[in-house]
Amino acid sequence: MAELKGSQKQYLRSLAHHLKPLIQIGKLGISDALIAQVNKALDDHELIKIKFVNFKDEKDELSAALVEKTGAQFVGALGNVLIIYRQQKDKEKRVIVIPQKK
């Protein structure tokens, strides 16, 4: 999927507003197990929130690394919560339809 436009990110943030964080980044930081957990959550939900319990000072760097390792797209961050999106590969399982800007 192409890079998200500002209006598309805004739409996804509005969808994520009511979501609870599915994953917490704690004392182990970004491990292989955490990456696998994030990939599973993205496959199941497409749009997820991740909360930084530890490493709050390094959240920008860790967020960028997490987005890169999972192939997701950065949607936004609010406080210590990261919102990321990855479109489901299987068209029949897609839940979110992002409006295309003309």
N, C-alpha and C. Protein backbone atom coordinates (compact mmCIF):
# COMPACT_ATOMS: atom_id res chain seq x y z
N MET A 1 0.83 -1.17 0.00
CA MET A 1 0.00 0.00 0.00
C MET A 1 0.88 1.24 0.00
N ALA A 2 0.43 2.26 -0.71
CA ALA A 2 1.17 3.51 -0.78
C ALA A 2 1.13 4.23 0.56
N GLU A 3 2.01 5.20 0.70
CA GLU A 3 2.06 6.00 1.92
C GLU A 3 0.71 6.68 2.16
N LEU A 4 0.28 6.68 3.40
CA LEU A 4 -1.00 7.28 3.76
C LEU A 4 -0.93 8.80 3.68
N LYS A 5 -2.00 9.40 3.16
CA LYS A 5 -2.11 10.85 3.11
C LYS A 5 -2.62 11.34 4.46
N GLY A 6 -2.51 12.62 4.70
CA GLY A 6 -2.94 13.21 5.97
C GLY A 6 -4.41 12.94 6.28
N SER A 7 -5.27 13.08 5.27
CA SER A 7 -6.70 12.85 5.50
C SER A 7 -6.99 11.38 5.81
N GLN A 8 -6.21 10.49 5.22
CA GLN A 8 -6.38 9.06 5.48
C GLN A 8 -5.92 8.72 6.90
N LYS A 9 -4.82 9.33 7.33
CA LYS A 9 -4.36 9.13 8.71
C LYS A 9 -5.38 9.67 9.69
N GLN A 10 -5.97 10.80 9.38
CA GLN A 10 -7.00 11.38 10.24
C GLN A 10 -8.20 10.44 10.35
N TYR A 11 -8.59 9.84 9.23
CA TYR A 11 -9.71 8.88 9.23
C TYR A 11 -9.37 7.68 10.12
N LEU A 12 -8.15 7.15 9.99
CA LEU A 12 -7.74 6.00 10.79
C LEU A 12 -7.65 6.36 12.28
N ARG A 13 -7.17 7.56 12.58
CA ARG A 13 -7.13 7.99 13.98
C ARG A 13 -8.54 8.06 14.57
N SER A 14 -9.51 8.50 13.74
CA SER A 14 -10.89 8.55 14.24
C SER A 14 -11.42 7.15 14.51
N LEU A 15 -11.03 6.17 13.69
CA LEU A 15 -11.43 4.79 13.93
C LEU A 15 -10.76 4.22 15.18
N ALA A 16 -9.53 4.65 15.42
CA ALA A 16 -8.76 4.12 16.55
C ALA A 16 -9.15 4.77 17.88
N HIS A 17 -9.91 5.84 17.83
CA HIS A 17 -10.22 6.59 19.04
C HIS A 17 -10.79 5.71 20.16
N HIS A 18 -11.71 4.83 19.82
CA HIS A 18 -12.36 4.01 20.84
C HIS A 18 -11.61 2.73 21.17
N LEU A 19 -10.54 2.44 20.44
CA LEU A 19 -9.79 1.20 20.66
C LEU A 19 -8.94 1.28 21.93
N LYS A 20 -8.79 0.15 22.58
CA LYS A 20 -7.88 0.02 23.71
C LYS A 20 -6.55 -0.52 23.18
N PRO A 21 -5.43 -0.17 23.82
CA PRO A 21 -4.14 -0.73 23.39
C PRO A 21 -4.14 -2.26 23.52
N LEU A 22 -3.78 -2.94 22.44
CA LEU A 22 -3.73 -4.40 22.44
C LEU A 22 -2.39 -4.92 22.96
N ILE A 23 -1.36 -4.09 22.80
CA ILE A 23 0.00 -4.53 23.13
C ILE A 23 0.66 -3.47 24.00
N GLN A 24 1.47 -3.94 24.95
CA GLN A 24 2.23 -3.04 25.79
C GLN A 24 3.71 -3.34 25.64
N ILE A 25 4.48 -2.28 25.50
CA ILE A 25 5.93 -2.44 25.42
C ILE A 25 6.47 -2.19 26.82
N GLY A 26 6.99 -3.26 27.42
CA GLY A 26 7.46 -3.20 28.80
C GLY A 26 8.97 -3.27 28.89
N LYS A 27 9.44 -3.92 29.94
CA LYS A 27 10.86 -3.92 30.26
C LYS A 27 11.74 -4.63 29.24
N LEU A 28 11.16 -5.52 28.42
CA LEU A 28 11.96 -6.23 27.42
C LEU A 28 12.14 -5.44 26.13
N GLY A 29 11.37 -4.37 25.98
CA GLY A 29 11.48 -3.55 24.77
C GLY A 29 10.95 -4.29 23.55
N ILE A 30 11.56 -4.04 22.42
CA ILE A 30 11.13 -4.68 21.18
C ILE A 30 11.92 -5.97 20.99
N SER A 31 11.25 -7.07 21.23
CA SER A 31 11.87 -8.39 21.08
C SER A 31 11.22 -9.11 19.91
N ASP A 32 11.75 -10.28 19.56
CA ASP A 32 11.16 -11.08 18.48
C ASP A 32 9.74 -11.50 18.84
N ALA A 33 9.51 -11.79 20.11
CA ALA A 33 8.17 -12.18 20.56
C ALA A 33 7.19 -11.01 20.42
N LEU A 34 7.64 -9.81 20.73
CA LEU A 34 6.78 -8.64 20.59
C LEU A 34 6.46 -8.39 19.11
N ILE A 35 7.44 -8.53 18.24
CA ILE A 35 7.22 -8.35 16.80
C ILE A 35 6.19 -9.36 16.31
N ALA A 36 6.31 -10.60 16.75
CA ALA A 36 5.34 -11.63 16.35
C ALA A 36 3.94 -11.29 16.86
N GLN A 37 3.87 -10.79 18.07
CA GLN A 37 2.58 -10.41 18.65
C GLN A 37 1.96 -9.23 17.88
N VAL A 38 2.76 -8.27 17.51
CA VAL A 38 2.28 -7.12 16.73
C VAL A 38 1.81 -7.59 15.34
N ASN A 39 2.59 -8.46 14.70
CA ASN A 39 2.18 -8.97 13.39
C ASN A 39 0.85 -9.71 13.46
N LYS A 40 0.67 -10.52 14.49
CA LYS A 40 -0.59 -11.25 14.67
C LYS A 40 -1.75 -10.28 14.86
N ALA A 41 -1.54 -9.26 15.71
CA ALA A 41 -2.59 -8.28 15.96
C ALA A 41 -2.94 -7.50 14.70
N LEU A 42 -1.94 -7.15 13.91
CA LEU A 42 -2.19 -6.43 12.65
C LEU A 42 -2.93 -7.32 11.66
N ASP A 43 -2.59 -8.59 11.60
CA ASP A 43 -3.31 -9.51 10.72
C ASP A 43 -4.77 -9.65 11.13
N ASP A 44 -5.02 -9.63 12.43
CA ASP A 44 -6.37 -9.81 12.93
C ASP A 44 -7.21 -8.53 12.87
N HIS A 45 -6.58 -7.37 13.12
CA HIS A 45 -7.34 -6.13 13.30
C HIS A 45 -7.01 -5.02 12.30
N GLU A 46 -5.88 -5.07 11.66
CA GLU A 46 -5.39 -4.06 10.73
C GLU A 46 -4.96 -2.75 11.41
N LEU A 47 -5.75 -2.26 12.35
CA LEU A 47 -5.47 -1.01 13.04
C LEU A 47 -5.36 -1.30 14.54
N ILE A 48 -4.20 -0.98 15.12
CA ILE A 48 -4.01 -1.30 16.54
C ILE A 48 -3.34 -0.14 17.27
N LYS A 49 -3.50 -0.17 18.59
CA LYS A 49 -2.81 0.75 19.47
C LYS A 49 -1.79 -0.05 20.30
N ILE A 50 -0.65 0.59 20.53
CA ILE A 50 0.41 -0.02 21.33
C ILE A 50 0.80 1.00 22.40
N LYS A 51 0.85 0.55 23.64
CA LYS A 51 1.17 1.45 24.75
C LYS A 51 2.59 1.22 25.23
N PHE A 52 3.30 2.31 25.45
CA PHE A 52 4.65 2.26 26.01
C PHE A 52 4.54 2.35 27.52
N VAL A 53 4.82 1.24 28.21
CA VAL A 53 4.84 1.23 29.66
C VAL A 53 6.22 1.64 30.14
N ASN A 54 7.24 1.12 29.49
CA ASN A 54 8.63 1.49 29.73
C ASN A 54 9.17 2.12 28.45
N PHE A 55 10.39 2.59 28.47
CA PHE A 55 11.06 3.18 27.32
C PHE A 55 10.31 4.41 26.78
N LYS A 56 9.68 5.15 27.66
CA LYS A 56 8.91 6.32 27.22
C LYS A 56 9.80 7.39 26.60
N ASP A 57 11.04 7.47 27.05
CA ASP A 57 11.96 8.46 26.50
C ASP A 57 12.43 8.09 25.09
N GLU A 58 12.42 6.80 24.78
CA GLU A 58 12.88 6.33 23.47
C GLU A 58 11.72 5.94 22.55
N LYS A 59 10.51 6.37 22.86
CA LYS A 59 9.35 5.89 22.11
C LYS A 59 9.38 6.27 20.64
N ASP A 60 9.97 7.43 20.29
CA ASP A 60 10.02 7.82 18.88
C ASP A 60 10.90 6.86 18.08
N GLU A 61 12.07 6.54 18.60
CA GLU A 61 12.98 5.63 17.92
C GLU A 61 12.40 4.21 17.87
N LEU A 62 11.83 3.77 18.99
CA LEU A 62 11.24 2.43 19.04
C LEU A 62 10.02 2.32 18.12
N SER A 63 9.25 3.38 18.04
CA SER A 63 8.08 3.38 17.15
C SER A 63 8.52 3.22 15.70
N ALA A 64 9.54 3.96 15.30
CA ALA A 64 10.05 3.87 13.93
C ALA A 64 10.58 2.46 13.65
N ALA A 65 11.29 1.88 14.60
CA ALA A 65 11.82 0.53 14.42
C ALA A 65 10.70 -0.49 14.33
N LEU A 66 9.68 -0.33 15.14
CA LEU A 66 8.55 -1.25 15.15
C LEU A 66 7.78 -1.18 13.83
N VAL A 67 7.56 0.02 13.33
CA VAL A 67 6.87 0.21 12.05
C VAL A 67 7.67 -0.44 10.92
N GLU A 68 8.99 -0.25 10.95
CA GLU A 68 9.84 -0.83 9.90
C GLU A 68 9.85 -2.35 9.95
N LYS A 69 9.97 -2.92 11.14
CA LYS A 69 10.07 -4.38 11.27
C LYS A 69 8.76 -5.10 10.97
N THR A 70 7.62 -4.42 11.13
CA THR A 70 6.33 -5.06 10.89
C THR A 70 5.75 -4.73 9.52
N GLY A 71 6.33 -3.76 8.84
CA GLY A 71 5.79 -3.36 7.54
C GLY A 71 4.49 -2.58 7.67
N ALA A 72 4.27 -2.03 8.85
CA ALA A 72 3.05 -1.26 9.10
C ALA A 72 3.29 0.20 8.73
N GLN A 73 2.24 0.99 8.87
CA GLN A 73 2.35 2.42 8.62
C GLN A 73 1.99 3.18 9.89
N PHE A 74 2.76 4.21 10.15
CA PHE A 74 2.53 5.06 11.31
C PHE A 74 1.29 5.90 11.06
N VAL A 75 0.33 5.83 11.98
CA VAL A 75 -0.90 6.62 11.87
C VAL A 75 -0.84 7.82 12.80
N GLY A 76 -0.33 7.60 14.01
CA GLY A 76 -0.24 8.70 14.96
C GLY A 76 0.24 8.22 16.31
N ALA A 77 0.49 9.19 17.17
CA ALA A 77 0.89 8.90 18.53
C ALA A 77 0.27 9.95 19.43
N LEU A 78 -0.23 9.50 20.54
CA LEU A 78 -0.82 10.42 21.52
C LEU A 78 -0.29 10.02 22.89
N GLY A 79 0.52 10.88 23.46
CA GLY A 79 1.13 10.54 24.74
C GLY A 79 2.05 9.34 24.58
N ASN A 80 1.78 8.29 25.31
CA ASN A 80 2.60 7.08 25.26
C ASN A 80 1.91 5.96 24.48
N VAL A 81 1.00 6.32 23.59
CA VAL A 81 0.27 5.34 22.80
C VAL A 81 0.56 5.56 21.32
N LEU A 82 0.93 4.49 20.65
CA LEU A 82 1.24 4.49 19.22
C LEU A 82 0.08 3.84 18.47
N ILE A 83 -0.30 4.42 17.33
CA ILE A 83 -1.34 3.84 16.47
C ILE A 83 -0.68 3.48 15.15
N ILE A 84 -0.82 2.20 14.76
CA ILE A 84 -0.27 1.75 13.48
C ILE A 84 -1.32 0.99 12.69
N TYR A 85 -1.10 0.93 11.38
CA TYR A 85 -2.04 0.29 10.47
C TYR A 85 -1.27 -0.53 9.44
N ARG A 86 -1.80 -1.70 9.13
CA ARG A 86 -1.28 -2.49 8.01
C ARG A 86 -2.47 -3.15 7.35
N GLN A 87 -2.63 -2.90 6.07
CA GLN A 87 -3.76 -3.44 5.32
C GLN A 87 -3.66 -4.96 5.24
N GLN A 88 -4.79 -5.63 5.47
CA GLN A 88 -4.86 -7.09 5.37
C GLN A 88 -4.55 -7.50 3.93
N LYS A 89 -3.70 -8.49 3.77
CA LYS A 89 -3.31 -8.95 2.43
C LYS A 89 -4.46 -9.64 1.70
N ASP A 90 -5.27 -10.37 2.44
CA ASP A 90 -6.41 -11.08 1.87
C ASP A 90 -7.58 -10.10 1.74
N LYS A 91 -7.98 -9.80 0.50
CA LYS A 91 -9.04 -8.82 0.26
C LYS A 91 -10.35 -9.19 0.94
N GLU A 92 -10.63 -10.47 1.06
CA GLU A 92 -11.89 -10.90 1.67
C GLU A 92 -11.91 -10.68 3.18
N LYS A 93 -10.74 -10.61 3.81
CA LYS A 93 -10.66 -10.43 5.26
C LYS A 93 -10.50 -8.97 5.67
N ARG A 94 -10.40 -8.06 4.71
CA ARG A 94 -10.22 -6.65 5.04
C ARG A 94 -11.45 -6.09 5.73
N VAL A 95 -11.20 -5.39 6.80
CA VAL A 95 -12.28 -4.79 7.59
C VAL A 95 -12.34 -3.28 7.34
N ILE A 96 -11.22 -2.66 7.17
CA ILE A 96 -11.14 -1.21 7.04
C ILE A 96 -11.00 -0.82 5.57
N VAL A 97 -11.86 0.07 5.16
CA VAL A 97 -11.77 0.64 3.80
C VAL A 97 -11.40 2.11 3.96
N ILE A 98 -10.23 2.45 3.49
CA ILE A 98 -9.74 3.82 3.62
C ILE A 98 -10.24 4.64 2.43
N PRO A 99 -10.88 5.77 2.69
CA PRO A 99 -11.36 6.60 1.58
C PRO A 99 -10.18 7.13 0.75
N GLN A 100 -10.33 7.08 -0.54
CA GLN A 100 -9.30 7.57 -1.44
C GLN A 100 -9.53 9.06 -1.71
N LYS A 101 -8.50 9.85 -1.53
CA LYS A 101 -8.61 11.27 -1.78
C LYS A 101 -8.47 11.51 -3.28
N LYS A 102 -9.33 12.35 -3.79
CA LYS A 102 -9.31 12.64 -5.24
C LYS A 102 -8.49 13.84 -5.56
